[in-house]
């Protein structure tokens, strides 16, 4: 079981920036890893373990902003596609194979 935590937190006021930073630090302390700046993931061995971490994330959520938590199975997570860098153009077609007698 994998837990994804997505969030969009306000950072205009100093108090809000501090709350957002504290939330990210609390996620890291709870074993989450940063996938993207506002997307954190964590593996859980069971649904019961996932429920414990969901409850923990709810306990340290900031008062402002939006936080979403999604649970996916290992099989679903295995189908994830990640891309890094710029878009790549298709490779040019290779030369035709020659037959030698």
Protein backbone atom coordinates (compact mmCIF):
# COMPACT_ATOMS: atom_id res chain seq x y z
CA UNK A 1 0.00 0.00 0.00
CA UNK A 2 1.30 3.44 -0.93
CA UNK A 3 0.11 6.77 0.49
CA UNK A 4 0.28 9.91 -1.61
CA UNK A 5 -0.13 13.29 0.09
CA UNK A 6 -0.89 16.17 -2.27
CA UNK A 7 -1.14 19.69 -0.94
CA UNK A 8 -1.57 23.28 -1.98
CA UNK A 9 -0.78 25.57 0.93
CA UNK A 10 -0.73 29.37 1.03
CA UNK A 11 2.71 30.95 1.37
CA UNK A 12 2.03 34.67 1.02
CA UNK A 13 2.18 35.55 4.73
CA UNK A 14 5.17 34.69 6.91
CA UNK A 15 2.93 32.69 9.27
CA UNK A 16 1.58 30.64 6.32
CA UNK A 17 5.09 29.95 4.97
CA UNK A 18 6.13 28.72 8.39
CA UNK A 19 3.08 26.44 8.64
CA UNK A 20 3.72 25.00 5.14
CA UNK A 21 7.38 24.39 5.96
CA UNK A 22 6.45 22.71 9.25
CA UNK A 23 3.96 20.47 7.41
CA UNK A 24 6.62 19.33 4.92
CA UNK A 25 9.09 18.65 7.75
CA UNK A 26 6.46 16.64 9.63
CA UNK A 27 5.81 14.54 6.52
CA UNK A 28 9.54 13.79 6.25
CA UNK A 29 9.71 12.86 9.96
CA UNK A 30 6.81 10.44 9.41
CA UNK A 31 8.73 8.60 6.69
CA UNK A 32 7.32 10.28 3.59
CA UNK A 33 9.61 11.11 0.70
CA UNK A 34 9.23 14.04 -1.64
CA UNK A 35 8.13 12.98 -5.13
CA UNK A 36 7.49 16.56 -6.25
CA UNK A 37 7.46 19.78 -4.25
CA UNK A 38 3.87 19.34 -3.08
CA UNK A 39 3.55 15.56 -3.53
CA UNK A 40 4.93 13.21 -0.89
CA UNK A 41 4.76 9.40 -0.88
CA UNK A 42 5.20 6.65 1.69
CA UNK A 43 5.03 2.87 1.57
CA UNK A 44 2.92 1.12 4.21
CA UNK A 45 2.98 -2.62 4.84
CA UNK A 46 -0.79 -2.91 5.42
CA UNK A 47 -4.07 -1.01 5.39
CA UNK A 48 -3.84 -0.74 9.17
CA UNK A 49 -0.42 0.89 8.93
CA UNK A 50 -1.75 3.24 6.24
CA UNK A 51 -4.65 4.22 8.50
CA UNK A 52 -2.19 5.12 11.28
CA UNK A 53 -0.23 7.40 8.93
CA UNK A 54 -3.38 9.00 7.50
CA UNK A 55 -4.45 9.82 11.06
CA UNK A 56 -0.97 11.22 11.78
CA UNK A 57 -1.01 13.44 8.66
CA UNK A 58 -4.45 14.75 9.63
CA UNK A 59 -3.09 15.66 13.06
CA UNK A 60 -0.38 17.98 11.72
CA UNK A 61 -2.24 19.52 8.75
CA UNK A 62 -2.13 23.32 8.64
CA UNK A 63 -5.39 25.20 9.16
CA UNK A 64 -5.23 26.86 5.74
CA UNK A 65 -4.85 25.28 2.32
CA UNK A 66 -5.84 22.00 0.74
CA UNK A 67 -4.41 18.56 1.57
CA UNK A 68 -5.45 15.37 -0.25
CA UNK A 69 -4.43 11.82 0.64
CA UNK A 70 -4.67 8.94 -1.81
CA UNK A 71 -4.01 5.26 -1.16
CA UNK A 72 -2.88 2.96 -3.99
CA UNK A 73 -1.90 -0.69 -4.01
CA UNK A 74 1.58 -1.94 -4.84
CA UNK A 75 0.26 -3.21 -8.18
CA UNK A 76 -1.21 0.19 -9.06
CA UNK A 77 1.99 1.93 -7.99
CA UNK A 78 3.96 -0.46 -10.20
CA UNK A 79 2.17 0.98 -13.24
CA UNK A 80 3.39 4.51 -12.58
CA UNK A 81 5.23 6.23 -15.42
CA UNK A 82 7.88 8.82 -14.52
CA UNK A 83 9.56 11.14 -17.01
CA UNK A 84 12.50 13.44 -16.35
CA UNK A 85 13.97 16.12 -18.53
CA UNK A 86 12.77 17.57 -21.78
CA UNK A 87 10.57 15.90 -24.32
CA UNK A 88 12.54 13.59 -26.55
CA UNK A 89 12.02 13.36 -30.28
CA UNK A 90 11.62 9.92 -31.81
CA UNK A 91 14.86 8.33 -32.95
CA UNK A 92 15.50 8.40 -36.69
CA UNK A 93 14.83 5.13 -38.45
CA UNK A 94 17.92 2.96 -38.59
CA UNK A 95 19.46 1.74 -41.84
CA UNK A 96 17.89 -1.23 -43.57
CA UNK A 97 19.68 -4.49 -42.96
CA UNK A 98 21.75 -5.65 -45.91
CA UNK A 99 21.89 -9.27 -47.02
CA UNK A 100 25.29 -10.55 -48.00
CA UNK A 101 25.59 -13.72 -50.10
